[in-house]
């Protein structure tokens, strides 16, 4: 996993920032240089495709627990869609 992806997830989707869905996340990411944005996009794509990236790995980065891989995958897909596909709302992680 690319360290830029991990840094983005740790910094912006952690147990504090991850629950802030006021709309700052997409403009914040797009404010980084193109290579960083590309690395984050590819990191999401890899995490979504890689069965070894699951709740334990995500919790290590964010301190947010997910009950299972499918719930995490649904959340990550929603964040990916918000960041890169123009989805209108950033999803919330589990409480």
PDB file of N, CA and C in Angstrom:
ATOM      1  N   UNK A   1       0.848  -1.171   0.000  1.00  0.00           N
ATOM      2  CA  UNK A   1       0.000   0.000   0.000  1.00  0.00           C
ATOM      3  C   UNK A   1       0.899   1.240   0.000  1.00  0.00           C
ATOM      4  N   UNK A   2       0.602   2.173  -0.841  1.00  0.00           N
ATOM      5  CA  UNK A   2       1.381   3.399  -0.970  1.00  0.00           C
ATOM      6  C   UNK A   2       1.272   4.235   0.301  1.00  0.00           C
ATOM      7  N   UNK A   3       2.400   4.767   0.750  1.00  0.00           N
ATOM      8  CA  UNK A   3       2.397   5.544   1.986  1.00  0.00           C
ATOM      9  C   UNK A   3       1.573   6.827   1.857  1.00  0.00           C
ATOM     10  N   UNK A   4       1.411   7.353   0.656  1.00  0.00           N
ATOM     11  CA  UNK A   4       0.589   8.560   0.486  1.00  0.00           C
ATOM     12  C   UNK A   4      -0.881   8.243   0.725  1.00  0.00           C
ATOM     13  N   UNK A   5      -1.325   7.084   0.271  1.00  0.00           N
ATOM     14  CA  UNK A   5      -2.696   6.643   0.550  1.00  0.00           C
ATOM     15  C   UNK A   5      -2.873   6.469   2.058  1.00  0.00           C
ATOM     16  N   UNK A   6      -1.943   5.780   2.685  1.00  0.00           N
ATOM     17  CA  UNK A   6      -2.035   5.557   4.127  1.00  0.00           C
ATOM     18  C   UNK A   6      -2.021   6.884   4.878  1.00  0.00           C
ATOM     19  N   UNK A   7      -1.195   7.811   4.469  1.00  0.00           N
ATOM     20  CA  UNK A   7      -1.132   9.126   5.116  1.00  0.00           C
ATOM     21  C   UNK A   7      -2.457   9.874   4.970  1.00  0.00           C
ATOM     22  N   UNK A   8      -3.069   9.805   3.785  1.00  0.00           N
ATOM     23  CA  UNK A   8      -4.352  10.465   3.570  1.00  0.00           C
ATOM     24  C   UNK A   8      -5.432   9.841   4.449  1.00  0.00           C
ATOM     25  N   UNK A   9      -5.503   8.517   4.457  1.00  0.00           N
ATOM     26  CA  UNK A   9      -6.516   7.828   5.261  1.00  0.00           C
ATOM     27  C   UNK A   9      -6.303   8.131   6.743  1.00  0.00           C
ATOM     28  N   UNK A  10      -5.062   8.044   7.207  1.00  0.00           N
ATOM     29  CA  UNK A  10      -4.765   8.306   8.613  1.00  0.00           C
ATOM     30  C   UNK A  10      -5.095   9.752   8.993  1.00  0.00           C
ATOM     31  N   UNK A  11      -4.788  10.670   8.116  1.00  0.00           N
ATOM     32  CA  UNK A  11      -4.985  12.089   8.424  1.00  0.00           C
ATOM     33  C   UNK A  11      -6.389  12.609   8.247  1.00  0.00           C
ATOM     34  N   UNK A  12      -7.147  12.049   7.293  1.00  0.00           N
ATOM     35  CA  UNK A  12      -8.444  12.639   6.944  1.00  0.00           C
ATOM     36  C   UNK A  12      -9.640  11.715   7.139  1.00  0.00           C
ATOM     37  N   UNK A  13      -9.413  10.440   7.388  1.00  0.00           N
ATOM     38  CA  UNK A  13     -10.536   9.519   7.607  1.00  0.00           C
ATOM     39  C   UNK A  13     -10.438   8.857   8.977  1.00  0.00           C
ATOM     40  N   UNK A  14      -9.696   9.467   9.877  1.00  0.00           N
ATOM     41  CA  UNK A  14      -9.487   8.897  11.209  1.00  0.00           C
ATOM     42  C   UNK A  14     -10.735   9.038  12.079  1.00  0.00           C
ATOM     43  N   UNK A  15     -10.622   8.619  13.340  1.00  0.00           N
ATOM     44  CA  UNK A  15     -11.772   8.594  14.247  1.00  0.00           C
ATOM     45  C   UNK A  15     -12.331   9.978  14.577  1.00  0.00           C
ATOM     46  N   UNK A  16     -11.655  11.041  14.242  1.00  0.00           N
ATOM     47  CA  UNK A  16     -12.178  12.394  14.435  1.00  0.00           C
ATOM     48  C   UNK A  16     -12.623  12.973  13.097  1.00  0.00           C
ATOM     49  N   UNK A  17     -11.696  13.063  12.152  1.00  0.00           N
ATOM     50  CA  UNK A  17     -11.979  13.681  10.861  1.00  0.00           C
ATOM     51  C   UNK A  17     -12.952  12.873  10.002  1.00  0.00           C
ATOM     52  N   UNK A  18     -12.941  11.567  10.145  1.00  0.00           N
ATOM     53  CA  UNK A  18     -13.789  10.707   9.320  1.00  0.00           C
ATOM     54  C   UNK A  18     -15.277  10.941   9.509  1.00  0.00           C
ATOM     55  N   UNK A  19     -15.656  11.512  10.647  1.00  0.00           N
ATOM     56  CA  UNK A  19     -17.073  11.776  10.920  1.00  0.00           C
ATOM     57  C   UNK A  19     -17.486  13.187  10.511  1.00  0.00           C
ATOM     58  N   UNK A  20     -16.552  13.964  10.025  1.00  0.00           N
ATOM     59  CA  UNK A  20     -16.861  15.312   9.539  1.00  0.00           C
ATOM     60  C   UNK A  20     -17.201  15.219   8.060  1.00  0.00           C
ATOM     61  N   UNK A  21     -18.478  15.248   7.774  1.00  0.00           N
ATOM     62  CA  UNK A  21     -18.925  15.114   6.382  1.00  0.00           C
ATOM     63  C   UNK A  21     -19.489  16.439   5.862  1.00  0.00           C
ATOM     64  N   UNK A  22     -18.859  17.529   6.272  1.00  0.00           N
ATOM     65  CA  UNK A  22     -19.343  18.852   5.885  1.00  0.00           C
ATOM     66  C   UNK A  22     -18.922  19.271   4.482  1.00  0.00           C
ATOM     67  N   UNK A  23     -18.183  18.421   3.787  1.00  0.00           N
ATOM     68  CA  UNK A  23     -17.857  18.712   2.402  1.00  0.00           C
ATOM     69  C   UNK A  23     -16.440  19.191   2.147  1.00  0.00           C
ATOM     70  N   UNK A  24     -15.579  19.157   3.133  1.00  0.00           N
ATOM     71  CA  UNK A  24     -14.219  19.661   2.921  1.00  0.00           C
ATOM     72  C   UNK A  24     -13.276  18.619   2.321  1.00  0.00           C
ATOM     73  N   UNK A  25     -13.617  17.323   2.427  1.00  0.00           N
ATOM     74  CA  UNK A  25     -12.663  16.279   2.079  1.00  0.00           C
ATOM     75  C   UNK A  25     -12.253  16.306   0.600  1.00  0.00           C
ATOM     76  N   UNK A  26     -13.215  16.402  -0.296  1.00  0.00           N
ATOM     77  CA  UNK A  26     -12.886  16.410  -1.729  1.00  0.00           C
ATOM     78  C   UNK A  26     -12.024  17.616  -2.091  1.00  0.00           C
ATOM     79  N   UNK A  27     -12.418  18.852  -1.715  1.00  0.00           N
ATOM     80  CA  UNK A  27     -11.555  19.982  -2.074  1.00  0.00           C
ATOM     81  C   UNK A  27     -10.173  19.906  -1.424  1.00  0.00           C
ATOM     82  N   UNK A  28     -10.104  19.325  -0.227  1.00  0.00           N
ATOM     83  CA  UNK A  28      -8.800  19.169   0.421  1.00  0.00           C
ATOM     84  C   UNK A  28      -7.918  18.244  -0.401  1.00  0.00           C
ATOM     85  N   UNK A  29      -8.446  17.085  -0.781  1.00  0.00           N
ATOM     86  CA  UNK A  29      -7.657  16.153  -1.586  1.00  0.00           C
ATOM     87  C   UNK A  29      -7.240  16.788  -2.905  1.00  0.00           C
ATOM     88  N   UNK A  30      -8.168  17.437  -3.575  1.00  0.00           N
ATOM     89  CA  UNK A  30      -7.861  18.011  -4.881  1.00  0.00           C
ATOM     90  C   UNK A  30      -6.903  19.202  -4.794  1.00  0.00           C
ATOM     91  N   UNK A  31      -6.667  19.697  -3.581  1.00  0.00           N
ATOM     92  CA  UNK A  31      -5.687  20.757  -3.380  1.00  0.00           C
ATOM     93  C   UNK A  31      -4.245  20.253  -3.370  1.00  0.00           C
ATOM     94  N   UNK A  32      -4.083  18.939  -3.240  1.00  0.00           N
ATOM     95  CA  UNK A  32      -2.746  18.350  -3.288  1.00  0.00           C
ATOM     96  C   UNK A  32      -2.280  18.257  -4.739  1.00  0.00           C
ATOM     97  N   UNK A  33      -0.987  17.984  -4.926  1.00  0.00           N
ATOM     98  CA  UNK A  33      -0.482  17.864  -6.289  1.00  0.00           C
ATOM     99  C   UNK A  33      -1.035  16.608  -6.963  1.00  0.00           C
ATOM    100  N   UNK A  34      -0.947  16.616  -8.270  1.00  0.00           N
ATOM    101  CA  UNK A  34      -1.552  15.558  -9.088  1.00  0.00           C
ATOM    102  C   UNK A  34      -1.036  14.160  -8.738  1.00  0.00           C
ATOM    103  N   UNK A  35       0.241  14.035  -8.448  1.00  0.00           N
ATOM    104  CA  UNK A  35       0.785  12.712  -8.148  1.00  0.00           C
ATOM    105  C   UNK A  35       0.254  12.181  -6.817  1.00  0.00           C
ATOM    106  N   UNK A  36       0.019  13.070  -5.845  1.00  0.00           N
ATOM    107  CA  UNK A  36      -0.558  12.646  -4.566  1.00  0.00           C
ATOM    108  C   UNK A  36      -1.994  12.184  -4.769  1.00  0.00           C
ATOM    109  N   UNK A  37      -2.778  12.961  -5.514  1.00  0.00           N
ATOM    110  CA  UNK A  37      -4.175  12.596  -5.791  1.00  0.00           C
ATOM    111  C   UNK A  37      -4.231  11.248  -6.508  1.00  0.00           C
ATOM    112  N   UNK A  38      -3.350  11.055  -7.471  1.00  0.00           N
ATOM    113  CA  UNK A  38      -3.298   9.788  -8.206  1.00  0.00           C
ATOM    114  C   UNK A  38      -2.958   8.632  -7.268  1.00  0.00           C
ATOM    115  N   UNK A  39      -2.019   8.840  -6.363  1.00  0.00           N
ATOM    116  CA  UNK A  39      -1.633   7.792  -5.417  1.00  0.00           C
ATOM    117  C   UNK A  39      -2.793   7.440  -4.489  1.00  0.00           C
ATOM    118  N   UNK A  40      -3.548   8.436  -4.061  1.00  0.00           N
ATOM    119  CA  UNK A  40      -4.703   8.179  -3.196  1.00  0.00           C
ATOM    120  C   UNK A  40      -5.766   7.415  -3.973  1.00  0.00           C
ATOM    121  N   UNK A  41      -6.016   7.832  -5.195  1.00  0.00           N
ATOM    122  CA  UNK A  41      -7.008   7.126  -6.028  1.00  0.00           C
ATOM    123  C   UNK A  41      -6.600   5.667  -6.224  1.00  0.00           C
ATOM    124  N   UNK A  42      -5.357   5.444  -6.583  1.00  0.00           N
ATOM    125  CA  UNK A  42      -4.882   4.073  -6.786  1.00  0.00           C
ATOM    126  C   UNK A  42      -4.886   3.283  -5.487  1.00  0.00           C
ATOM    127  N   UNK A  43      -4.633   3.953  -4.367  1.00  0.00           N
ATOM    128  CA  UNK A  43      -4.698   3.288  -3.068  1.00  0.00           C
ATOM    129  C   UNK A  43      -6.102   2.804  -2.748  1.00  0.00           C
ATOM    130  N   UNK A  44      -7.095   3.646  -3.032  1.00  0.00           N
ATOM    131  CA  UNK A  44      -8.481   3.217  -2.842  1.00  0.00           C
ATOM    132  C   UNK A  44      -8.807   2.036  -3.754  1.00  0.00           C
ATOM    133  N   UNK A  45      -8.398   2.126  -4.997  1.00  0.00           N
ATOM    134  CA  UNK A  45      -8.669   1.034  -5.940  1.00  0.00           C
ATOM    135  C   UNK A  45      -8.020  -0.264  -5.479  1.00  0.00           C
ATOM    136  N   UNK A  46      -6.799  -0.170  -4.984  1.00  0.00           N
ATOM    137  CA  UNK A  46      -6.101  -1.357  -4.490  1.00  0.00           C
ATOM    138  C   UNK A  46      -6.792  -1.912  -3.240  1.00  0.00           C
ATOM    139  N   UNK A  47      -7.160  -1.035  -2.305  1.00  0.00           N
ATOM    140  CA  UNK A  47      -7.828  -1.483  -1.078  1.00  0.00           C
ATOM    141  C   UNK A  47      -9.160  -2.150  -1.395  1.00  0.00           C
ATOM    142  N   UNK A  48      -9.871  -1.623  -2.373  1.00  0.00           N
ATOM    143  CA  UNK A  48     -11.154  -2.207  -2.754  1.00  0.00           C
ATOM    144  C   UNK A  48     -10.988  -3.561  -3.431  1.00  0.00           C
ATOM    145  N   UNK A  49      -9.902  -3.754  -4.132  1.00  0.00           N
ATOM    146  CA  UNK A  49      -9.678  -5.004  -4.866  1.00  0.00           C
ATOM    147  C   UNK A  49      -8.936  -6.057  -4.054  1.00  0.00           C
ATOM    148  N   UNK A  50      -8.246  -5.640  -3.017  1.00  0.00           N
ATOM    149  CA  UNK A  50      -7.359  -6.525  -2.260  1.00  0.00           C
ATOM    150  C   UNK A  50      -8.091  -7.138  -1.075  1.00  0.00           C
ATOM    151  N   UNK A  51      -8.312  -8.444  -1.112  1.00  0.00           N
ATOM    152  CA  UNK A  51      -9.004  -9.119  -0.016  1.00  0.00           C
ATOM    153  C   UNK A  51      -8.221  -9.093   1.284  1.00  0.00           C
ATOM    154  N   UNK A  52      -6.935  -8.824   1.230  1.00  0.00           N
ATOM    155  CA  UNK A  52      -6.149  -8.794   2.457  1.00  0.00           C
ATOM    156  C   UNK A  52      -6.284  -7.461   3.201  1.00  0.00           C
ATOM    157  N   UNK A  53      -6.834  -6.430   2.539  1.00  0.00           N
ATOM    158  CA  UNK A  53      -7.072  -5.153   3.215  1.00  0.00           C
ATOM    159  C   UNK A  53      -8.461  -5.210   3.831  1.00  0.00           C
ATOM    160  N   UNK A  54      -8.496  -5.325   5.143  1.00  0.00           N
ATOM    161  CA  UNK A  54      -9.770  -5.478   5.823  1.00  0.00           C
ATOM    162  C   UNK A  54      -9.888  -4.593   7.040  1.00  0.00           C
ATOM    163  N   UNK A  55     -10.846  -4.908   7.890  1.00  0.00           N
ATOM    164  CA  UNK A  55     -11.103  -4.082   9.073  1.00  0.00           C
ATOM    165  C   UNK A  55      -9.897  -3.899   9.988  1.00  0.00           C
ATOM    166  N   UNK A  56      -9.066  -4.914  10.143  1.00  0.00           N
ATOM    167  CA  UNK A  56      -7.896  -4.793  11.020  1.00  0.00           C
ATOM    168  C   UNK A  56      -6.922  -3.748  10.474  1.00  0.00           C
ATOM    169  N   UNK A  57      -6.659  -3.800   9.186  1.00  0.00           N
ATOM    170  CA  UNK A  57      -5.741  -2.836   8.564  1.00  0.00           C
ATOM    171  C   UNK A  57      -6.319  -1.420   8.613  1.00  0.00           C
ATOM    172  N   UNK A  58      -7.617  -1.301   8.359  1.00  0.00           N
ATOM    173  CA  UNK A  58      -8.238   0.016   8.374  1.00  0.00           C
ATOM    174  C   UNK A  58      -8.229   0.601   9.789  1.00  0.00           C
ATOM    175  N   UNK A  59      -8.518  -0.231  10.779  1.00  0.00           N
ATOM    176  CA  UNK A  59      -8.499   0.243  12.160  1.00  0.00           C
ATOM    177  C   UNK A  59      -7.095   0.683  12.568  1.00  0.00           C
ATOM    178  N   UNK A  60      -6.073  -0.010  12.084  1.00  0.00           N
ATOM    179  CA  UNK A  60      -4.688   0.376  12.371  1.00  0.00           C
ATOM    180  C   UNK A  60      -4.411   1.794  11.870  1.00  0.00           C
ATOM    181  N   UNK A  61      -4.999   2.167  10.747  1.00  0.00           N
ATOM    182  CA  UNK A  61      -4.770   3.487  10.153  1.00  0.00           C
ATOM    183  C   UNK A  61      -5.643   4.577  10.770  1.00  0.00           C
ATOM    184  N   UNK A  62      -6.861   4.212  11.214  1.00  0.00           N
ATOM    185  CA  UNK A  62      -7.845   5.237  11.565  1.00  0.00           C
ATOM    186  C   UNK A  62      -8.412   5.159  12.980  1.00  0.00           C
ATOM    187  N   UNK A  63      -8.220   4.050  13.651  1.00  0.00           N
ATOM    188  CA  UNK A  63      -8.861   3.789  14.949  1.00  0.00           C
ATOM    189  C   UNK A  63     -10.383   3.679  14.828  1.00  0.00           C
ATOM    190  N   UNK A  64     -10.878   3.341  13.647  1.00  0.00           N
ATOM    191  CA  UNK A  64     -12.311   3.108  13.444  1.00  0.00           C
ATOM    192  C   UNK A  64     -12.505   1.628  13.165  1.00  0.00           C
ATOM    193  N   UNK A  65     -13.416   1.022  13.923  1.00  0.00           N
ATOM    194  CA  UNK A  65     -13.708  -0.399  13.763  1.00  0.00           C
ATOM    195  C   UNK A  65     -14.851  -0.612  12.772  1.00  0.00           C
ATOM    196  N   UNK A  66     -14.680  -1.592  11.927  1.00  0.00           N
ATOM    197  CA  UNK A  66     -15.735  -2.051  11.037  1.00  0.00           C
ATOM    198  C   UNK A  66     -16.056  -3.494  11.403  1.00  0.00           C
ATOM    199  N   UNK A  67     -17.332  -3.876  11.365  1.00  0.00           N
ATOM    200  CA  UNK A  67     -17.695  -5.216  11.796  1.00  0.00           C
ATOM    201  C   UNK A  67     -17.220  -6.327  10.868  1.00  0.00           C
ATOM    202  N   UNK A  68     -17.051  -5.991   9.575  1.00  0.00           N
ATOM    203  CA  UNK A  68     -16.627  -7.014   8.622  1.00  0.00           C
ATOM    204  C   UNK A  68     -16.102  -6.344   7.353  1.00  0.00           C
ATOM    205  N   UNK A  69     -15.495  -7.153   6.511  1.00  0.00           N
ATOM    206  CA  UNK A  69     -14.884  -6.651   5.273  1.00  0.00           C
ATOM    207  C   UNK A  69     -15.916  -6.026   4.339  1.00  0.00           C
ATOM    208  N   UNK A  70     -17.102  -6.624   4.244  1.00  0.00           N
ATOM    209  CA  UNK A  70     -18.115  -6.111   3.313  1.00  0.00           C
ATOM    210  C   UNK A  70     -18.585  -4.709   3.728  1.00  0.00           C
ATOM    211  N   UNK A  71     -18.768  -4.486   5.010  1.00  0.00           N
ATOM    212  CA  UNK A  71     -19.169  -3.156   5.491  1.00  0.00           C
ATOM    213  C   UNK A  71     -18.067  -2.139   5.196  1.00  0.00           C
ATOM    214  N   UNK A  72     -16.829  -2.534   5.436  1.00  0.00           N
ATOM    215  CA  UNK A  72     -15.694  -1.656   5.124  1.00  0.00           C
ATOM    216  C   UNK A  72     -15.631  -1.382   3.636  1.00  0.00           C
ATOM    217  N   UNK A  73     -15.786  -2.403   2.821  1.00  0.00           N
ATOM    218  CA  UNK A  73     -15.723  -2.231   1.368  1.00  0.00           C
ATOM    219  C   UNK A  73     -16.813  -1.269   0.882  1.00  0.00           C
ATOM    220  N   UNK A  74     -18.007  -1.402   1.417  1.00  0.00           N
ATOM    221  CA  UNK A  74     -19.106  -0.501   1.040  1.00  0.00           C
ATOM    222  C   UNK A  74     -18.758   0.939   1.401  1.00  0.00           C
ATOM    223  N   UNK A  75     -18.200   1.126   2.591  1.00  0.00           N
ATOM    224  CA  UNK A  75     -17.788   2.466   3.021  1.00  0.00           C
ATOM    225  C   UNK A  75     -16.684   3.022   2.120  1.00  0.00           C
ATOM    226  N   UNK A  76     -15.645   2.228   1.872  1.00  0.00           N
ATOM    227  CA  UNK A  76     -14.539   2.689   1.025  1.00  0.00           C
ATOM    228  C   UNK A  76     -15.012   3.014  -0.384  1.00  0.00           C
ATOM    229  N   UNK A  77     -15.930   2.210  -0.908  1.00  0.00           N
ATOM    230  CA  UNK A  77     -16.480   2.490  -2.239  1.00  0.00           C
ATOM    231  C   UNK A  77     -17.226   3.821  -2.220  1.00  0.00           C
ATOM    232  N   UNK A  78     -17.961   4.085  -1.142  1.00  0.00           N
ATOM    233  CA  UNK A  78     -18.671   5.357  -1.017  1.00  0.00           C
ATOM    234  C   UNK A  78     -17.724   6.539  -0.942  1.00  0.00           C
ATOM    235  N   UNK A  79     -16.629   6.395  -0.203  1.00  0.00           N
ATOM    236  CA  UNK A  79     -15.637   7.472  -0.120  1.00  0.00           C
ATOM    237  C   UNK A  79     -14.977   7.669  -1.481  1.00  0.00           C
ATOM    238  N   UNK A  80     -14.639   6.575  -2.138  1.00  0.00           N
ATOM    239  CA  UNK A  80     -14.044   6.651  -3.481  1.00  0.00           C
ATOM    240  C   UNK A  80     -14.998   7.375  -4.435  1.00  0.00           C
ATOM    241  N   UNK A  81     -16.264   6.990  -4.402  1.00  0.00           N
ATOM    242  CA  UNK A  81     -17.254   7.629  -5.283  1.00  0.00           C
ATOM    243  C   UNK A  81     -17.392   9.114  -4.974  1.00  0.00           C
ATOM    244  N   UNK A  82     -17.328   9.457  -3.689  1.00  0.00           N
ATOM    245  CA  UNK A  82     -17.404  10.858  -3.304  1.00  0.00           C
ATOM    246  C   UNK A  82     -16.177  11.641  -3.797  1.00  0.00           C
ATOM    247  N   UNK A  83     -15.009  11.072  -3.603  1.00  0.00           N
ATOM    248  CA  UNK A  83     -13.778  11.782  -3.956  1.00  0.00           C
ATOM    249  C   UNK A  83     -13.535  11.857  -5.457  1.00  0.00           C
ATOM    250  N   UNK A  84     -13.854  10.776  -6.176  1.00  0.00           N
ATOM    251  CA  UNK A  84     -13.415  10.683  -7.569  1.00  0.00           C
ATOM    252  C   UNK A  84     -14.532  10.556  -8.599  1.00  0.00           C
ATOM    253  N   UNK A  85     -15.744  10.292  -8.176  1.00  0.00           N
ATOM    254  CA  UNK A  85     -16.829  10.073  -9.129  1.00  0.00           C
ATOM    255  C   UNK A  85     -17.946  11.109  -8.998  1.00  0.00           C
ATOM    256  N   UNK A  86     -17.752  12.099  -8.122  1.00  0.00           N
ATOM    257  CA  UNK A  86     -18.731  13.174  -8.001  1.00  0.00           C
ATOM    258  C   UNK A  86     -19.963  12.832  -7.181  1.00  0.00           C
ATOM    259  N   UNK A  87     -19.922  11.764  -6.375  1.00  0.00           N
ATOM    260  CA  UNK A  87     -21.061  11.454  -5.510  1.00  0.00           C
ATOM    261  C   UNK A  87     -21.344  12.659  -4.615  1.00  0.00           C
ATOM    262  N   UNK A  88     -22.605  12.947  -4.355  1.00  0.00           N
ATOM    263  CA  UNK A  88     -22.938  14.181  -3.640  1.00  0.00           C
ATOM    264  C   UNK A  88     -22.582  14.199  -2.157  1.00  0.00           C
ATOM    265  N   UNK A  89     -22.503  13.031  -1.513  1.00  0.00           N
ATOM    266  CA  UNK A  89     -22.258  13.017  -0.074  1.00  0.00           C
ATOM    267  C   UNK A  89     -21.146  12.055   0.292  1.00  0.00           C
ATOM    268  N   UNK A  90     -20.360  12.474   1.250  1.00  0.00           N
ATOM    269  CA  UNK A  90     -19.327  11.606   1.843  1.00  0.00           C
ATOM    270  C   UNK A  90     -20.024  10.692   2.841  1.00  0.00           C
ATOM    271  N   UNK A  91     -19.781   9.382   2.776  1.00  0.00           N
ATOM    272  CA  UNK A  91     -20.440   8.480   3.725  1.00  0.00           C
ATOM    273  C   UNK A  91     -19.831   8.574   5.121  1.00  0.00           C
ATOM    274  N   UNK A  92     -20.617   8.197   6.096  1.00  0.00           N
ATOM    275  CA  UNK A  92     -20.152   8.142   7.480  1.00  0.00           C
ATOM    276  C   UNK A  92     -19.661   6.743   7.813  1.00  0.00           C
ATOM    277  N   UNK A  93     -18.554   6.655   8.549  1.00  0.00           N
ATOM    278  CA  UNK A  93     -18.141   5.340   9.044  1.00  0.00           C
ATOM    279  C   UNK A  93     -19.089   4.901  10.164  1.00  0.00           C
ATOM    280  N   UNK A  94     -19.002   3.663  10.607  1.00  0.00           N
ATOM    281  CA  UNK A  94     -19.880   3.225  11.692  1.00  0.00           C
ATOM    282  C   UNK A  94     -19.601   3.977  12.990  1.00  0.00           C
ATOM    283  N   UNK A  95     -20.620   4.114  13.786  1.00  0.00           N
ATOM    284  CA  UNK A  95     -20.489   4.798  15.101  1.00  0.00           C
ATOM    285  C   UNK A  95     -19.889   3.866  16.109  1.00  0.00           C
TER     286      UNK A  95
END
